[in-house]
């Protein structure tokens, strides 16, 4: 069911409220990350609504925006400094990796499903435009839509690369200090393997969308 224009301010207000109220009781670093995720989710929801114009697109945009926002103000060293025990830090990093993989994979699957449809629509519009059956405005609108999807795919790919680099750094340090058979080291190794697959899929999505976008030259 589509979200009508009059309901958008309520959705945006709810997202802002959730982002701010969720920060109570957190330290400064946790607050920064949480606020970033909330703002990212808000921006993603607005972008999703603008691109898809429906509830599903809004929620997908919010999830992807949360991915982007959660990367704000966060580094391995800063996250590590929050924990007195190394084990607690490693557990948090493993959970962080797993959450990222779930969200990024969901976004990648959504993008992958959209690529075939966008390709078909773009090819049809290009043929109709050359035959004089479609307007230049329709072609420009489709190209703009592709550009937005491509930008989203590139953002997810960039974040996957950063998450993989962080996970690799934590894994290598754990392997060196705790050994390859340590339970945390092994879980981190599994995270790294999964993140490589996530990055590969996001890279493929970028390449596929770029190819479709380039084919829509005017």
N, C-alpha and C. Protein backbone atom coordinates (compact mmCIF):
# COMPACT_ATOMS: atom_id res chain seq x y z
N UNK A 1 0.84 -1.19 0.00
CA UNK A 1 0.00 0.00 0.00
C UNK A 1 0.87 1.24 0.00
N UNK A 2 0.58 2.15 -0.87
CA UNK A 2 1.42 3.35 -1.00
C UNK A 2 1.26 4.26 0.20
N UNK A 3 2.31 4.96 0.56
CA UNK A 3 2.27 5.97 1.61
C UNK A 3 1.89 7.30 0.97
N UNK A 4 0.79 7.87 1.38
CA UNK A 4 0.35 9.14 0.80
C UNK A 4 1.19 10.29 1.31
N UNK A 5 1.22 11.36 0.57
CA UNK A 5 2.08 12.50 0.90
C UNK A 5 1.82 13.01 2.30
N UNK A 6 0.54 13.02 2.73
CA UNK A 6 0.21 13.57 4.05
C UNK A 6 0.80 12.74 5.18
N UNK A 7 1.14 11.46 4.90
CA UNK A 7 1.68 10.61 5.95
C UNK A 7 3.18 10.68 6.07
N UNK A 8 3.87 11.25 5.10
CA UNK A 8 5.33 11.28 5.11
C UNK A 8 5.90 12.02 6.32
N UNK A 9 5.35 13.21 6.69
CA UNK A 9 5.90 13.89 7.86
C UNK A 9 5.82 13.04 9.12
N UNK A 10 4.75 12.23 9.27
CA UNK A 10 4.61 11.38 10.44
C UNK A 10 5.68 10.30 10.44
N UNK A 11 5.95 9.73 9.27
CA UNK A 11 6.99 8.70 9.17
C UNK A 11 8.35 9.29 9.52
N UNK A 12 8.65 10.45 8.96
CA UNK A 12 9.93 11.11 9.21
C UNK A 12 10.07 11.46 10.68
N UNK A 13 9.00 11.99 11.29
CA UNK A 13 9.03 12.35 12.70
C UNK A 13 9.27 11.12 13.57
N UNK A 14 8.64 10.00 13.21
CA UNK A 14 8.81 8.78 13.98
C UNK A 14 10.24 8.29 13.90
N UNK A 15 10.85 8.38 12.72
CA UNK A 15 12.24 7.94 12.55
C UNK A 15 13.19 8.82 13.35
N UNK A 16 12.95 10.13 13.33
CA UNK A 16 13.80 11.04 14.10
C UNK A 16 13.67 10.76 15.58
N UNK A 17 12.43 10.57 16.05
CA UNK A 17 12.21 10.28 17.46
C UNK A 17 12.88 9.01 17.90
N UNK A 18 12.80 7.99 17.06
CA UNK A 18 13.43 6.71 17.39
C UNK A 18 14.94 6.86 17.46
N UNK A 19 15.50 7.64 16.55
CA UNK A 19 16.95 7.82 16.52
C UNK A 19 17.44 8.52 17.77
N UNK A 20 16.70 9.51 18.23
CA UNK A 20 17.13 10.28 19.39
C UNK A 20 16.87 9.55 20.70
N UNK A 21 15.68 8.95 20.85
CA UNK A 21 15.33 8.30 22.10
C UNK A 21 16.18 7.06 22.35
N UNK A 22 16.66 6.44 21.28
CA UNK A 22 17.47 5.23 21.42
C UNK A 22 18.86 5.49 21.95
N UNK A 23 19.25 6.74 22.08
CA UNK A 23 20.61 7.07 22.51
C UNK A 23 20.75 7.21 24.02
N UNK A 24 19.65 7.14 24.76
CA UNK A 24 19.70 7.32 26.20
C UNK A 24 20.54 6.22 26.84
N UNK A 25 21.42 6.61 27.77
CA UNK A 25 22.22 5.65 28.50
C UNK A 25 23.46 5.17 27.77
N UNK A 26 23.73 5.71 26.60
CA UNK A 26 24.91 5.29 25.84
C UNK A 26 26.08 6.23 26.13
N UNK A 27 27.31 5.72 25.92
CA UNK A 27 28.45 6.61 26.01
C UNK A 27 28.55 7.43 24.73
N UNK A 28 29.53 8.35 24.68
CA UNK A 28 29.60 9.28 23.55
C UNK A 28 29.78 8.56 22.23
N UNK A 29 30.67 7.54 22.22
CA UNK A 29 30.93 6.83 20.97
C UNK A 29 29.71 6.06 20.51
N UNK A 30 29.04 5.37 21.44
CA UNK A 30 27.84 4.62 21.09
C UNK A 30 26.74 5.55 20.59
N UNK A 31 26.64 6.73 21.23
CA UNK A 31 25.64 7.70 20.81
C UNK A 31 25.91 8.18 19.39
N UNK A 32 27.18 8.45 19.08
CA UNK A 32 27.55 8.90 17.74
C UNK A 32 27.14 7.88 16.69
N UNK A 33 27.45 6.60 16.95
CA UNK A 33 27.11 5.55 15.99
C UNK A 33 25.61 5.39 15.88
N UNK A 34 24.91 5.40 17.02
CA UNK A 34 23.46 5.22 17.00
C UNK A 34 22.77 6.36 16.29
N UNK A 35 23.20 7.59 16.56
CA UNK A 35 22.61 8.73 15.88
C UNK A 35 22.90 8.68 14.39
N UNK A 36 24.12 8.26 14.05
CA UNK A 36 24.45 8.13 12.63
C UNK A 36 23.56 7.13 11.95
N UNK A 37 23.32 6.00 12.61
CA UNK A 37 22.45 4.98 12.03
C UNK A 37 21.03 5.51 11.89
N UNK A 38 20.56 6.26 12.89
CA UNK A 38 19.21 6.81 12.82
C UNK A 38 19.06 7.81 11.70
N UNK A 39 20.01 8.71 11.58
CA UNK A 39 19.98 9.70 10.51
C UNK A 39 20.10 9.01 9.15
N UNK A 40 20.99 8.01 9.09
CA UNK A 40 21.14 7.27 7.83
C UNK A 40 19.85 6.58 7.45
N UNK A 41 19.18 5.99 8.44
CA UNK A 41 17.90 5.32 8.17
C UNK A 41 16.87 6.32 7.68
N UNK A 42 16.87 7.52 8.29
CA UNK A 42 15.93 8.56 7.86
C UNK A 42 16.18 8.96 6.42
N UNK A 43 17.45 9.23 6.09
CA UNK A 43 17.78 9.62 4.72
C UNK A 43 17.49 8.50 3.75
N UNK A 44 17.78 7.27 4.17
CA UNK A 44 17.50 6.13 3.31
C UNK A 44 16.02 5.96 3.07
N UNK A 45 15.21 6.18 4.10
CA UNK A 45 13.77 6.05 3.94
C UNK A 45 13.23 7.09 2.97
N UNK A 46 13.73 8.32 3.09
CA UNK A 46 13.30 9.38 2.18
C UNK A 46 13.71 9.04 0.75
N UNK A 47 14.95 8.54 0.59
CA UNK A 47 15.42 8.17 -0.75
C UNK A 47 14.60 7.01 -1.31
N UNK A 48 14.30 6.04 -0.45
CA UNK A 48 13.51 4.90 -0.90
C UNK A 48 12.12 5.30 -1.32
N UNK A 49 11.53 6.22 -0.58
CA UNK A 49 10.20 6.71 -0.94
C UNK A 49 10.25 7.47 -2.26
N UNK A 50 11.31 8.26 -2.45
CA UNK A 50 11.43 9.04 -3.68
C UNK A 50 11.62 8.15 -4.89
N UNK A 51 12.41 7.05 -4.72
CA UNK A 51 12.69 6.17 -5.83
C UNK A 51 11.52 5.26 -6.12
N UNK A 52 11.00 4.59 -5.06
CA UNK A 52 9.97 3.59 -5.28
C UNK A 52 8.56 4.09 -5.07
N UNK A 53 8.39 5.10 -4.21
CA UNK A 53 7.07 5.68 -3.99
C UNK A 53 6.13 4.78 -3.22
N UNK A 54 6.64 3.81 -2.46
CA UNK A 54 5.75 2.93 -1.72
C UNK A 54 6.41 2.49 -0.41
N UNK A 55 5.60 1.81 0.43
CA UNK A 55 6.07 1.43 1.75
C UNK A 55 7.28 0.52 1.69
N UNK A 56 7.27 -0.46 0.78
CA UNK A 56 8.39 -1.39 0.68
C UNK A 56 9.69 -0.66 0.37
N UNK A 57 9.63 0.26 -0.59
CA UNK A 57 10.83 1.00 -0.95
C UNK A 57 11.32 1.84 0.22
N UNK A 58 10.38 2.41 0.98
CA UNK A 58 10.75 3.23 2.13
C UNK A 58 11.48 2.41 3.18
N UNK A 59 10.97 1.21 3.48
CA UNK A 59 11.59 0.37 4.49
C UNK A 59 12.93 -0.16 4.04
N UNK A 60 13.05 -0.53 2.77
CA UNK A 60 14.33 -0.98 2.23
C UNK A 60 15.35 0.14 2.31
N UNK A 61 14.91 1.35 1.95
CA UNK A 61 15.81 2.50 2.03
C UNK A 61 16.25 2.77 3.45
N UNK A 62 15.34 2.60 4.40
CA UNK A 62 15.68 2.83 5.81
C UNK A 62 16.72 1.83 6.29
N UNK A 63 16.57 0.57 5.90
CA UNK A 63 17.54 -0.45 6.30
C UNK A 63 18.92 -0.16 5.72
N UNK A 64 18.95 0.19 4.45
CA UNK A 64 20.23 0.49 3.81
C UNK A 64 20.84 1.75 4.39
N UNK A 65 19.99 2.73 4.71
CA UNK A 65 20.48 3.97 5.32
C UNK A 65 21.08 3.72 6.68
N UNK A 66 20.51 2.76 7.42
CA UNK A 66 21.07 2.41 8.72
C UNK A 66 22.47 1.85 8.58
N UNK A 67 22.69 1.07 7.54
CA UNK A 67 24.04 0.55 7.25
C UNK A 67 25.02 1.69 7.07
N UNK A 68 24.61 2.66 6.26
CA UNK A 68 25.48 3.79 5.95
C UNK A 68 25.74 4.63 7.19
N UNK A 69 24.69 4.92 7.93
CA UNK A 69 24.83 5.76 9.11
C UNK A 69 25.65 5.13 10.21
N UNK A 70 25.55 3.81 10.36
CA UNK A 70 26.28 3.13 11.43
C UNK A 70 27.78 3.19 11.25
N UNK A 71 28.22 3.48 10.03
CA UNK A 71 29.66 3.58 9.78
C UNK A 71 30.23 4.92 10.21
N UNK A 72 29.34 5.89 10.53
CA UNK A 72 29.80 7.22 10.90
C UNK A 72 30.44 7.21 12.28
N UNK A 73 31.61 7.83 12.40
CA UNK A 73 32.24 8.00 13.71
C UNK A 73 32.71 6.72 14.35
N UNK A 74 32.98 5.68 13.56
CA UNK A 74 33.33 4.40 14.14
C UNK A 74 34.60 3.86 13.50
N UNK A 75 35.58 3.48 14.32
CA UNK A 75 36.79 2.83 13.82
C UNK A 75 37.11 1.69 14.76
N UNK A 76 37.97 0.78 14.33
CA UNK A 76 38.33 -0.37 15.15
C UNK A 76 38.93 0.09 16.48
N UNK A 77 39.85 1.04 16.42
CA UNK A 77 40.51 1.52 17.64
C UNK A 77 39.51 2.16 18.60
N UNK A 78 38.58 2.94 18.06
CA UNK A 78 37.58 3.59 18.92
C UNK A 78 36.65 2.57 19.54
N UNK A 79 36.27 1.57 18.77
CA UNK A 79 35.37 0.55 19.32
C UNK A 79 36.09 -0.28 20.38
N UNK A 80 37.35 -0.59 20.14
CA UNK A 80 38.12 -1.40 21.09
C UNK A 80 38.29 -0.68 22.42
N UNK A 81 38.42 0.64 22.34
CA UNK A 81 38.63 1.43 23.56
C UNK A 81 37.43 1.40 24.50
N UNK A 82 36.28 0.96 24.01
CA UNK A 82 35.07 0.93 24.83
C UNK A 82 35.04 -0.27 25.78
N UNK A 83 35.93 -1.23 25.58
CA UNK A 83 35.86 -2.48 26.33
C UNK A 83 37.11 -2.70 27.18
N UNK A 84 36.89 -3.12 28.43
CA UNK A 84 38.01 -3.43 29.32
C UNK A 84 38.57 -4.81 29.02
N UNK A 85 37.71 -5.73 28.61
CA UNK A 85 38.14 -7.10 28.30
C UNK A 85 38.18 -7.32 26.79
N UNK A 86 39.25 -7.94 26.34
CA UNK A 86 39.40 -8.22 24.92
C UNK A 86 38.29 -9.12 24.40
N UNK A 87 37.88 -10.08 25.23
CA UNK A 87 36.83 -11.01 24.81
C UNK A 87 35.54 -10.27 24.51
N UNK A 88 35.19 -9.27 25.31
CA UNK A 88 33.97 -8.52 25.09
C UNK A 88 34.04 -7.73 23.77
N UNK A 89 35.21 -7.20 23.50
CA UNK A 89 35.41 -6.49 22.22
C UNK A 89 35.24 -7.43 21.04
N UNK A 90 35.83 -8.62 21.13
CA UNK A 90 35.75 -9.57 20.03
C UNK A 90 34.31 -10.04 19.81
N UNK A 91 33.59 -10.26 20.89
CA UNK A 91 32.18 -10.66 20.77
C UNK A 91 31.38 -9.56 20.07
N UNK A 92 31.65 -8.31 20.46
CA UNK A 92 30.94 -7.18 19.85
C UNK A 92 31.27 -7.06 18.37
N UNK A 93 32.53 -7.29 18.02
CA UNK A 93 32.94 -7.21 16.61
C UNK A 93 32.29 -8.32 15.78
N UNK A 94 32.22 -9.51 16.35
CA UNK A 94 31.58 -10.63 15.65
C UNK A 94 30.10 -10.32 15.41
N UNK A 95 29.44 -9.79 16.42
CA UNK A 95 28.02 -9.42 16.28
C UNK A 95 27.85 -8.30 15.26
N UNK A 96 28.76 -7.36 15.28
CA UNK A 96 28.71 -6.24 14.33
C UNK A 96 28.85 -6.77 12.89
N UNK A 97 29.79 -7.67 12.69
CA UNK A 97 29.98 -8.26 11.37
C UNK A 97 28.73 -9.01 10.91
N UNK A 98 28.17 -9.81 11.82
CA UNK A 98 27.00 -10.61 11.45
C UNK A 98 25.80 -9.73 11.10
N UNK A 99 25.62 -8.66 11.86
CA UNK A 99 24.51 -7.73 11.58
C UNK A 99 24.72 -7.03 10.24
N UNK A 100 25.95 -6.63 9.99
CA UNK A 100 26.24 -5.98 8.71
C UNK A 100 25.99 -6.93 7.55
N UNK A 101 26.44 -8.16 7.68
CA UNK A 101 26.26 -9.15 6.62
C UNK A 101 24.78 -9.36 6.33
N UNK A 102 23.96 -9.47 7.38
CA UNK A 102 22.52 -9.67 7.18
C UNK A 102 21.91 -8.50 6.41
N UNK A 103 22.22 -7.28 6.83
CA UNK A 103 21.63 -6.10 6.20
C UNK A 103 22.16 -5.89 4.78
N UNK A 104 23.47 -6.04 4.62
CA UNK A 104 24.06 -5.83 3.29
C UNK A 104 23.59 -6.88 2.31
N UNK A 105 23.48 -8.13 2.76
CA UNK A 105 23.01 -9.19 1.87
C UNK A 105 21.56 -8.96 1.45
N UNK A 106 20.75 -8.48 2.39
CA UNK A 106 19.36 -8.17 2.05
C UNK A 106 19.29 -7.06 1.01
N UNK A 107 20.10 -6.04 1.17
CA UNK A 107 20.14 -4.94 0.21
C UNK A 107 20.67 -5.43 -1.14
N UNK A 108 21.69 -6.27 -1.11
CA UNK A 108 22.24 -6.81 -2.36
C UNK A 108 21.20 -7.66 -3.10
N UNK A 109 20.45 -8.46 -2.36
CA UNK A 109 19.41 -9.28 -2.99
C UNK A 109 18.34 -8.42 -3.63
N UNK A 110 17.97 -7.35 -2.94
CA UNK A 110 16.96 -6.45 -3.49
C UNK A 110 17.46 -5.78 -4.76
N UNK A 111 18.69 -5.32 -4.73
CA UNK A 111 19.27 -4.70 -5.92
C UNK A 111 19.38 -5.69 -7.07
N UNK A 112 19.80 -6.90 -6.75
CA UNK A 112 19.95 -7.93 -7.79
C UNK A 112 18.61 -8.21 -8.46
N UNK A 113 17.55 -8.27 -7.65
CA UNK A 113 16.23 -8.54 -8.20
C UNK A 113 15.74 -7.40 -9.08
N UNK A 114 16.19 -6.19 -8.77
CA UNK A 114 15.75 -5.02 -9.53
C UNK A 114 16.50 -4.87 -10.85
N UNK A 115 17.70 -5.41 -10.94
CA UNK A 115 18.55 -5.17 -12.11
C UNK A 115 17.91 -5.70 -13.39
N UNK A 116 17.38 -6.92 -13.34
CA UNK A 116 16.76 -7.51 -14.54
C UNK A 116 15.59 -6.66 -15.01
N UNK A 117 14.76 -6.21 -14.05
CA UNK A 117 13.61 -5.38 -14.41
C UNK A 117 14.06 -4.05 -15.01
N UNK A 118 15.03 -3.43 -14.38
CA UNK A 118 15.53 -2.14 -14.88
C UNK A 118 16.16 -2.29 -16.26
N UNK A 119 16.84 -3.41 -16.47
CA UNK A 119 17.45 -3.66 -17.77
C UNK A 119 16.38 -3.79 -18.85
N UNK A 120 15.34 -4.55 -18.55
CA UNK A 120 14.25 -4.72 -19.54
C UNK A 120 13.58 -3.38 -19.85
N UNK A 121 13.29 -2.62 -18.81
CA UNK A 121 12.62 -1.34 -19.00
C UNK A 121 13.51 -0.38 -19.80
N UNK A 122 14.78 -0.38 -19.47
CA UNK A 122 15.71 0.53 -20.15
C UNK A 122 15.86 0.17 -21.62
N UNK A 123 15.95 -1.11 -21.93
CA UNK A 123 16.06 -1.54 -23.32
C UNK A 123 14.80 -1.17 -24.11
N UNK A 124 13.65 -1.38 -23.47
CA UNK A 124 12.39 -1.04 -24.14
C UNK A 124 12.30 0.46 -24.41
N UNK A 125 12.64 1.25 -23.43
CA UNK A 125 12.57 2.71 -23.59
C UNK A 125 13.55 3.19 -24.66
N UNK A 126 14.75 2.60 -24.67
CA UNK A 126 15.74 3.00 -25.66
C UNK A 126 15.25 2.69 -27.08
N UNK A 127 14.63 1.51 -27.26
CA UNK A 127 14.09 1.15 -28.58
C UNK A 127 12.96 2.10 -28.98
N UNK A 128 12.08 2.37 -28.04
CA UNK A 128 10.95 3.25 -28.33
C UNK A 128 11.40 4.68 -28.62
N UNK A 129 12.45 5.10 -27.91
CA UNK A 129 12.98 6.45 -28.14
C UNK A 129 13.56 6.56 -29.55
N UNK A 130 14.33 5.55 -29.96
CA UNK A 130 14.92 5.56 -31.29
C UNK A 130 13.85 5.48 -32.38
N UNK A 131 12.74 4.82 -32.05
CA UNK A 131 11.65 4.69 -33.02
C UNK A 131 10.69 5.87 -32.96
N UNK A 132 10.96 6.82 -32.07
CA UNK A 132 10.10 7.99 -31.96
C UNK A 132 8.82 7.75 -31.17
N UNK A 133 8.78 6.64 -30.41
CA UNK A 133 7.58 6.30 -29.66
C UNK A 133 7.67 6.65 -28.17
N UNK A 134 8.83 7.08 -27.74
CA UNK A 134 9.02 7.49 -26.35
C UNK A 134 9.69 8.84 -26.32
N UNK A 135 9.32 9.65 -25.33
CA UNK A 135 9.86 11.00 -25.25
C UNK A 135 11.25 11.00 -24.61
N UNK A 136 11.97 12.07 -24.86
CA UNK A 136 13.28 12.24 -24.24
C UNK A 136 13.15 12.34 -22.72
N UNK A 137 12.05 12.95 -22.27
CA UNK A 137 11.82 13.07 -20.82
C UNK A 137 11.70 11.71 -20.16
N UNK A 138 11.04 10.76 -20.82
CA UNK A 138 10.89 9.41 -20.26
C UNK A 138 12.26 8.75 -20.15
N UNK A 139 13.10 8.97 -21.13
CA UNK A 139 14.44 8.40 -21.12
C UNK A 139 15.28 9.02 -20.00
N UNK A 140 15.17 10.32 -19.85
CA UNK A 140 15.91 11.03 -18.80
C UNK A 140 15.45 10.56 -17.42
N UNK A 141 14.14 10.37 -17.26
CA UNK A 141 13.61 9.92 -15.97
C UNK A 141 14.13 8.52 -15.62
N UNK A 142 14.16 7.64 -16.60
CA UNK A 142 14.67 6.28 -16.37
C UNK A 142 16.16 6.33 -16.03
N UNK A 143 16.89 7.17 -16.71
CA UNK A 143 18.34 7.28 -16.45
C UNK A 143 18.59 7.83 -15.04
N UNK A 144 17.76 8.78 -14.61
CA UNK A 144 17.90 9.32 -13.26
C UNK A 144 17.61 8.25 -12.21
N UNK A 145 16.61 7.42 -12.48
CA UNK A 145 16.29 6.33 -11.56
C UNK A 145 17.44 5.34 -11.47
N UNK A 146 18.02 5.02 -12.62
CA UNK A 146 19.18 4.13 -12.64
C UNK A 146 20.37 4.74 -11.89
N UNK A 147 20.55 6.02 -12.04
CA UNK A 147 21.65 6.71 -11.37
C UNK A 147 21.51 6.62 -9.85
N UNK A 148 20.29 6.75 -9.35
CA UNK A 148 20.06 6.65 -7.91
C UNK A 148 20.34 5.24 -7.41
N UNK A 149 19.88 4.24 -8.16
CA UNK A 149 20.13 2.86 -7.77
C UNK A 149 21.63 2.54 -7.82
N UNK A 150 22.30 3.08 -8.82
CA UNK A 150 23.74 2.86 -8.95
C UNK A 150 24.49 3.49 -7.78
N UNK A 151 24.06 4.68 -7.39
CA UNK A 151 24.69 5.34 -6.24
C UNK A 151 24.51 4.52 -4.97
N UNK A 152 23.31 3.95 -4.80
CA UNK A 152 23.06 3.11 -3.63
C UNK A 152 23.94 1.87 -3.66
N UNK A 153 24.04 1.24 -4.83
CA UNK A 153 24.88 0.04 -4.96
C UNK A 153 26.34 0.36 -4.65
N UNK A 154 26.81 1.51 -5.09
CA UNK A 154 28.20 1.91 -4.82
C UNK A 154 28.41 2.17 -3.33
N UNK A 155 27.41 2.73 -2.67
CA UNK A 155 27.53 2.97 -1.23
C UNK A 155 27.63 1.66 -0.47
N UNK A 156 26.77 0.70 -0.82
CA UNK A 156 26.81 -0.60 -0.16
C UNK A 156 28.15 -1.28 -0.40
N UNK A 157 28.64 -1.19 -1.64
CA UNK A 157 29.93 -1.80 -1.97
C UNK A 157 31.07 -1.16 -1.18
N UNK A 158 31.04 0.16 -1.06
CA UNK A 158 32.07 0.87 -0.31
C UNK A 158 32.06 0.46 1.16
N UNK A 159 30.85 0.34 1.72
CA UNK A 159 30.73 -0.06 3.11
C UNK A 159 31.17 -1.51 3.32
N UNK A 160 30.87 -2.36 2.35
CA UNK A 160 31.29 -3.76 2.44
C UNK A 160 32.82 -3.86 2.44
N UNK A 161 33.46 -3.03 1.64
CA UNK A 161 34.92 -3.01 1.61
C UNK A 161 35.49 -2.55 2.95
N UNK A 162 34.88 -1.51 3.53
CA UNK A 162 35.35 -1.01 4.82
C UNK A 162 35.13 -2.05 5.92
N UNK A 163 33.94 -2.67 5.92
CA UNK A 163 33.65 -3.67 6.93
C UNK A 163 34.60 -4.85 6.82
N UNK A 164 34.90 -5.26 5.59
CA UNK A 164 35.83 -6.36 5.37
C UNK A 164 37.23 -6.00 5.85
N UNK A 165 37.66 -4.77 5.57
CA UNK A 165 38.99 -4.33 6.02
C UNK A 165 39.07 -4.34 7.55
N UNK A 166 38.02 -3.84 8.21
CA UNK A 166 37.99 -3.84 9.68
C UNK A 166 38.01 -5.27 10.23
N UNK A 167 37.17 -6.12 9.65
CA UNK A 167 37.08 -7.51 10.12
C UNK A 167 38.41 -8.23 9.92
N UNK A 168 39.07 -7.96 8.81
CA UNK A 168 40.37 -8.56 8.54
C UNK A 168 41.40 -8.13 9.59
N UNK A 169 41.37 -6.85 9.92
CA UNK A 169 42.33 -6.32 10.90
C UNK A 169 42.13 -6.98 12.26
N UNK A 170 40.86 -7.09 12.69
CA UNK A 170 40.56 -7.70 13.98
C UNK A 170 40.90 -9.19 13.96
N UNK A 171 40.58 -9.84 12.86
CA UNK A 171 40.89 -11.28 12.72
C UNK A 171 42.40 -11.53 12.78
N UNK A 172 43.18 -10.77 12.04
CA UNK A 172 44.63 -10.96 12.01
C UNK A 172 45.25 -10.74 13.39
N UNK A 173 44.74 -9.72 14.09
CA UNK A 173 45.27 -9.46 15.44
C UNK A 173 44.90 -10.61 16.39
N UNK A 174 43.67 -11.09 16.29
CA UNK A 174 43.24 -12.19 17.14
C UNK A 174 44.02 -13.46 16.82
N UNK A 175 44.25 -13.72 15.56
CA UNK A 175 45.02 -14.90 15.16
C UNK A 175 46.45 -14.85 15.70
N UNK A 176 47.02 -13.66 15.66
CA UNK A 176 48.40 -13.49 16.13
C UNK A 176 48.50 -13.63 17.65
N UNK A 177 47.54 -13.06 18.36
CA UNK A 177 47.60 -13.04 19.82
C UNK A 177 47.00 -14.29 20.46
N UNK A 178 45.93 -14.82 19.85
CA UNK A 178 45.19 -15.91 20.49
C UNK A 178 45.35 -17.26 19.78
N UNK A 179 45.86 -17.20 18.55
CA UNK A 179 46.07 -18.43 17.81
C UNK A 179 44.92 -18.75 16.86
N UNK A 180 45.17 -19.54 15.81
CA UNK A 180 44.15 -19.82 14.80
C UNK A 180 43.01 -20.70 15.28
N UNK A 181 43.22 -21.45 16.36
CA UNK A 181 42.18 -22.36 16.85
C UNK A 181 41.31 -21.73 17.93
N UNK A 182 41.61 -20.53 18.33
CA UNK A 182 40.79 -19.84 19.33
C UNK A 182 39.37 -19.67 18.80
N UNK A 183 38.37 -19.79 19.68
CA UNK A 183 36.97 -19.74 19.25
C UNK A 183 36.61 -18.40 18.60
N UNK A 184 37.15 -17.32 19.15
CA UNK A 184 36.85 -16.00 18.58
C UNK A 184 37.56 -15.81 17.24
N UNK A 185 38.79 -16.29 17.16
CA UNK A 185 39.53 -16.19 15.90
C UNK A 185 38.79 -16.93 14.79
N UNK A 186 38.28 -18.12 15.11
CA UNK A 186 37.59 -18.92 14.10
C UNK A 186 36.28 -18.25 13.66
N UNK A 187 35.58 -17.64 14.59
CA UNK A 187 34.34 -16.94 14.22
C UNK A 187 34.65 -15.72 13.36
N UNK A 188 35.72 -15.02 13.71
CA UNK A 188 36.12 -13.87 12.90
C UNK A 188 36.56 -14.30 11.51
N UNK A 189 37.22 -15.44 11.42
CA UNK A 189 37.62 -15.96 10.11
C UNK A 189 36.38 -16.26 9.26
N UNK A 190 35.35 -16.82 9.88
CA UNK A 190 34.10 -17.09 9.17
C UNK A 190 33.45 -15.78 8.72
N UNK A 191 33.50 -14.76 9.58
CA UNK A 191 32.98 -13.43 9.21
C UNK A 191 33.68 -12.90 7.97
N UNK A 192 35.01 -13.02 7.96
CA UNK A 192 35.79 -12.51 6.83
C UNK A 192 35.39 -13.22 5.54
N UNK A 193 35.21 -14.52 5.60
CA UNK A 193 34.80 -15.28 4.42
C UNK A 193 33.45 -14.81 3.92
N UNK A 194 32.51 -14.63 4.82
CA UNK A 194 31.17 -14.17 4.43
C UNK A 194 31.21 -12.76 3.88
N UNK A 195 32.03 -11.90 4.48
CA UNK A 195 32.12 -10.52 4.02
C UNK A 195 32.73 -10.44 2.63
N UNK A 196 33.64 -11.35 2.30
CA UNK A 196 34.19 -11.39 0.96
C UNK A 196 33.10 -11.71 -0.06
N UNK A 197 32.20 -12.62 0.31
CA UNK A 197 31.09 -12.96 -0.56
C UNK A 197 30.12 -11.79 -0.70
N UNK A 198 29.88 -11.09 0.41
CA UNK A 198 29.00 -9.91 0.38
C UNK A 198 29.59 -8.83 -0.52
N UNK A 199 30.88 -8.59 -0.38
CA UNK A 199 31.54 -7.59 -1.22
C UNK A 199 31.51 -7.99 -2.68
N UNK A 200 31.71 -9.26 -2.97
CA UNK A 200 31.68 -9.73 -4.36
C UNK A 200 30.31 -9.49 -4.99
N UNK A 201 29.25 -9.78 -4.23
CA UNK A 201 27.90 -9.56 -4.76
C UNK A 201 27.63 -8.08 -4.98
N UNK A 202 28.07 -7.24 -4.03
CA UNK A 202 27.84 -5.80 -4.18
C UNK A 202 28.63 -5.25 -5.36
N UNK A 203 29.84 -5.78 -5.59
CA UNK A 203 30.64 -5.36 -6.75
C UNK A 203 29.96 -5.76 -8.05
N UNK A 204 29.39 -6.95 -8.09
CA UNK A 204 28.66 -7.40 -9.27
C UNK A 204 27.45 -6.54 -9.54
N UNK A 205 26.75 -6.15 -8.48
CA UNK A 205 25.59 -5.27 -8.64
C UNK A 205 25.99 -3.93 -9.23
N UNK A 206 27.11 -3.38 -8.75
CA UNK A 206 27.59 -2.10 -9.28
C UNK A 206 27.92 -2.24 -10.76
N UNK A 207 28.63 -3.31 -11.12
CA UNK A 207 29.02 -3.51 -12.53
C UNK A 207 27.80 -3.68 -13.42
N UNK A 208 26.81 -4.44 -12.94
CA UNK A 208 25.61 -4.67 -13.75
C UNK A 208 24.80 -3.40 -13.93
N UNK A 209 24.63 -2.64 -12.84
CA UNK A 209 23.88 -1.39 -12.94
C UNK A 209 24.61 -0.36 -13.78
N UNK A 210 25.94 -0.34 -13.68
CA UNK A 210 26.72 0.59 -14.50
C UNK A 210 26.53 0.28 -15.98
N UNK A 211 26.50 -1.00 -16.31
CA UNK A 211 26.31 -1.41 -17.71
C UNK A 211 24.95 -0.97 -18.23
N UNK A 212 23.90 -1.15 -17.41
CA UNK A 212 22.56 -0.73 -17.81
C UNK A 212 22.51 0.80 -17.95
N UNK A 213 23.11 1.49 -16.98
CA UNK A 213 23.14 2.96 -17.02
C UNK A 213 23.84 3.47 -18.26
N UNK A 214 24.98 2.88 -18.59
CA UNK A 214 25.74 3.32 -19.75
C UNK A 214 24.98 3.07 -21.06
N UNK A 215 24.15 2.04 -21.06
CA UNK A 215 23.39 1.73 -22.27
C UNK A 215 22.28 2.75 -22.53
N UNK A 216 21.98 3.56 -21.51
CA UNK A 216 20.90 4.56 -21.65
C UNK A 216 21.44 5.91 -22.08
N UNK A 217 22.54 5.94 -22.80
CA UNK A 217 23.10 7.21 -23.27
C UNK A 217 22.09 7.92 -24.16
N UNK A 218 22.02 9.24 -23.99
CA UNK A 218 21.05 10.04 -24.75
C UNK A 218 21.77 10.83 -25.84
